[in-house]
Amino acid sequence: MGFSVKLKLPAGFDPRWLALAIGGILLALALLWIFRRPRTSAPPARRTPPRKRPQEDLVLPMTIQDKYLLMLEEQKKEYKAGKMDEREAFQQLSRLVRAFVTERTGKKAENATLAEISGMHLPQLAKLIEVYYEPEFARDAEADIMACYANAGKVIKLWT
């Protein structure tokens, strides 16, 4: 079987074009080799250690007890400054202790009656609220608000 087409060398092709193409490829490879090789002469980048903050800048998270003890002290200062009467002081003290117990235990004590609090099996809270009950609702009651502040502080500190 014979072929009717015979291959011929390109007659009008100038050999300088071939030399130019090969030179361009060699130039591109040389440039790639120069710019992509690893640099050993430059020292490695130094990482600076993070700046340590002074101790007075550090703020430790406040515990629930710390938060309510601080609120108790602020309330006591307001009472001593005459910003509230004794009845109002007992009402606020009751709210503060109830809010503490609610936040600490998850049991809703803020609006609970004394009987409901006694049923919650929280004897420390029941004792405090029982002492606050009369001065909280009566105009004239025999109770020492400063002793109640101290007892509330003890209960908040020792609550587990």
Protein backbone atom coordinates (compact mmCIF):
# COMPACT_ATOMS: atom_id res chain seq x y z
CA MET A 1 0.00 0.00 0.00
CA GLY A 2 1.49 3.31 -0.98
CA PHE A 3 1.05 6.84 0.25
CA SER A 4 0.40 9.68 -2.06
CA VAL A 5 1.66 12.32 0.41
CA LYS A 6 5.36 12.79 0.94
CA LEU A 7 6.73 14.78 3.89
CA LYS A 8 9.00 17.65 3.08
CA LEU A 9 11.11 19.95 5.16
CA PRO A 10 9.64 23.42 5.57
CA ALA A 11 11.10 25.29 2.67
CA GLY A 12 10.49 28.84 3.85
CA PHE A 13 11.49 28.25 7.50
CA ASP A 14 14.50 30.25 8.64
CA PRO A 15 16.76 28.36 11.14
CA ARG A 16 17.27 31.58 13.15
CA TRP A 17 13.70 31.28 14.44
CA LEU A 18 14.50 27.90 15.90
CA ALA A 19 17.61 29.29 17.60
CA LEU A 20 15.60 32.22 18.96
CA ALA A 21 12.89 29.90 20.41
CA ILE A 22 15.49 27.67 22.09
CA GLY A 23 17.25 30.75 23.50
CA GLY A 24 13.98 32.12 24.91
CA ILE A 25 13.20 28.83 26.65
CA LEU A 26 16.71 28.68 28.11
CA LEU A 27 16.42 32.28 29.32
CA ALA A 28 13.06 31.57 31.02
CA LEU A 29 14.48 28.49 32.75
CA ALA A 30 17.54 30.47 33.93
CA LEU A 31 15.34 33.21 35.39
CA LEU A 32 13.15 30.64 37.17
CA TRP A 33 16.23 28.97 38.64
CA ILE A 34 17.64 32.31 39.89
CA PHE A 35 14.45 33.60 41.51
CA ARG A 36 13.08 30.34 42.93
CA ARG A 37 16.18 28.90 44.56
CA PRO A 38 16.29 28.98 48.38
CA ARG A 39 18.17 31.85 49.92
CA THR A 40 20.73 30.68 52.44
CA SER A 41 22.49 33.98 52.99
CA ALA A 42 19.60 35.73 54.79
CA PRO A 43 19.20 34.93 58.52
CA PRO A 44 15.89 33.38 59.55
CA ALA A 45 13.24 35.79 60.69
CA ARG A 46 13.23 36.25 64.46
CA ARG A 47 9.97 36.06 66.32
CA THR A 48 9.72 38.52 69.13
CA PRO A 49 8.14 37.05 72.25
CA PRO A 50 4.77 38.50 73.20
CA ARG A 51 4.95 41.44 75.55
CA LYS A 52 4.00 40.47 79.07
CA ARG A 53 1.44 42.66 80.75
CA PRO A 54 2.21 43.99 84.18
CA GLN A 55 0.48 42.23 87.07
CA GLU A 56 -1.73 45.22 87.89
CA ASP A 57 -3.28 45.05 84.42
CA LEU A 58 -4.55 41.52 84.99
CA VAL A 59 -8.17 41.31 86.04
CA LEU A 60 -9.28 38.05 87.56
CA PRO A 61 -12.83 36.93 86.95
CA MET A 62 -15.16 37.76 89.82
CA THR A 63 -16.93 34.84 91.49
CA ILE A 64 -20.63 34.96 92.30
CA GLN A 65 -19.79 35.25 95.99
CA ASP A 66 -17.41 38.17 95.36
CA LYS A 67 -20.02 39.93 93.23
CA TYR A 68 -22.73 39.69 95.90
CA LEU A 69 -20.38 40.51 98.78
CA LEU A 70 -19.43 43.69 96.91
CA MET A 71 -23.10 44.53 96.37
CA LEU A 72 -23.77 43.86 100.06
CA GLU A 73 -21.01 46.27 101.10
CA GLU A 74 -22.33 48.95 98.74
CA GLN A 75 -25.82 48.53 100.15
CA LYS A 76 -24.48 48.76 103.71
CA LYS A 77 -22.65 52.00 102.83
CA GLU A 78 -25.84 53.47 101.37
CA TYR A 79 -27.74 52.62 104.56
CA LYS A 80 -25.02 54.14 106.76
CA ALA A 81 -25.05 57.28 104.58
CA GLY A 82 -28.78 57.66 105.24
CA LYS A 83 -29.89 57.08 101.65
CA MET A 84 -32.53 54.57 102.80
CA ASP A 85 -34.49 53.84 105.95
CA GLU A 86 -34.31 50.56 107.88
CA ARG A 87 -37.39 49.04 106.26
CA GLU A 88 -36.07 49.75 102.76
CA ALA A 89 -32.67 48.36 103.79
CA PHE A 90 -34.31 45.08 104.86
CA GLN A 91 -36.26 44.91 101.60
CA GLN A 92 -33.11 45.45 99.52
CA LEU A 93 -31.16 42.97 101.65
CA SER A 94 -33.86 40.38 101.09
CA ARG A 95 -33.77 41.01 97.32
CA LEU A 96 -29.99 40.73 97.29
CA VAL A 97 -29.89 37.43 99.22
CA ARG A 98 -32.70 35.96 97.12
CA ALA A 99 -30.96 37.00 93.87
CA PHE A 100 -27.73 35.41 95.11
CA VAL A 101 -29.46 32.12 95.86
CA THR A 102 -31.24 32.17 92.50
CA GLU A 103 -28.00 32.79 90.61
CA ARG A 104 -26.03 30.28 92.67
CA THR A 105 -28.55 27.41 92.74
CA GLY A 106 -30.90 28.11 89.86
CA LYS A 107 -33.92 27.88 92.18
CA LYS A 108 -36.35 30.78 91.75
CA ALA A 109 -36.20 32.44 95.17
CA GLU A 110 -36.76 36.07 94.19
CA ASN A 111 -40.54 36.10 94.52
CA ALA A 112 -41.01 33.09 96.78
CA THR A 113 -42.81 33.34 100.11
CA LEU A 114 -41.23 32.16 103.36
CA ALA A 115 -43.23 28.91 103.18
CA GLU A 116 -42.06 28.30 99.59
CA ILE A 117 -38.45 29.01 100.57
CA SER A 118 -38.72 26.58 103.48
CA GLY A 119 -39.98 23.97 100.99
CA MET A 120 -36.94 24.48 98.74
CA HIS A 121 -34.71 22.74 101.31
CA LEU A 122 -32.44 25.76 101.67
CA PRO A 123 -32.24 26.18 105.46
CA GLN A 124 -29.65 28.99 105.38
CA LEU A 125 -31.86 31.10 103.13
CA ALA A 126 -34.99 30.27 105.13
CA LYS A 127 -33.35 31.46 108.37
CA LEU A 128 -32.24 34.75 106.81
CA ILE A 129 -35.59 35.50 105.18
CA GLU A 130 -37.42 34.62 108.40
CA VAL A 131 -35.39 37.27 110.24
CA TYR A 132 -36.02 39.82 107.45
CA TYR A 133 -39.75 39.12 107.14
CA GLU A 134 -41.08 41.24 109.98
CA PRO A 135 -38.86 44.32 109.42
CA GLU A 136 -39.49 44.05 105.68
CA PHE A 137 -43.25 44.40 106.02
CA ALA A 138 -43.82 46.11 109.38
CA ARG A 139 -43.26 49.80 110.04
CA ASP A 140 -41.83 49.24 113.52
CA ALA A 141 -39.87 46.06 114.07
CA GLU A 142 -37.17 44.97 116.46
CA ALA A 143 -34.28 43.85 114.28
CA ASP A 144 -30.64 44.88 113.97
CA ILE A 145 -29.89 45.65 110.34
CA MET A 146 -26.12 45.66 110.89
CA ALA A 147 -26.25 42.15 112.39
CA CYS A 148 -28.37 41.07 109.41
CA TYR A 149 -25.78 42.49 107.00
CA ALA A 150 -23.09 40.49 108.84
CA ASN A 151 -25.17 37.28 108.76
CA ALA A 152 -25.94 37.71 105.07
CA GLY A 153 -22.22 38.17 104.37
CA LYS A 154 -21.41 34.97 106.27
CA VAL A 155 -24.02 32.98 104.37
CA ILE A 156 -22.80 34.29 101.01
CA LYS A 157 -19.14 33.54 101.88
CA LEU A 158 -19.83 30.03 103.13
CA TRP A 159 -22.43 28.98 100.53
CA THR A 160 -21.43 25.78 98.75
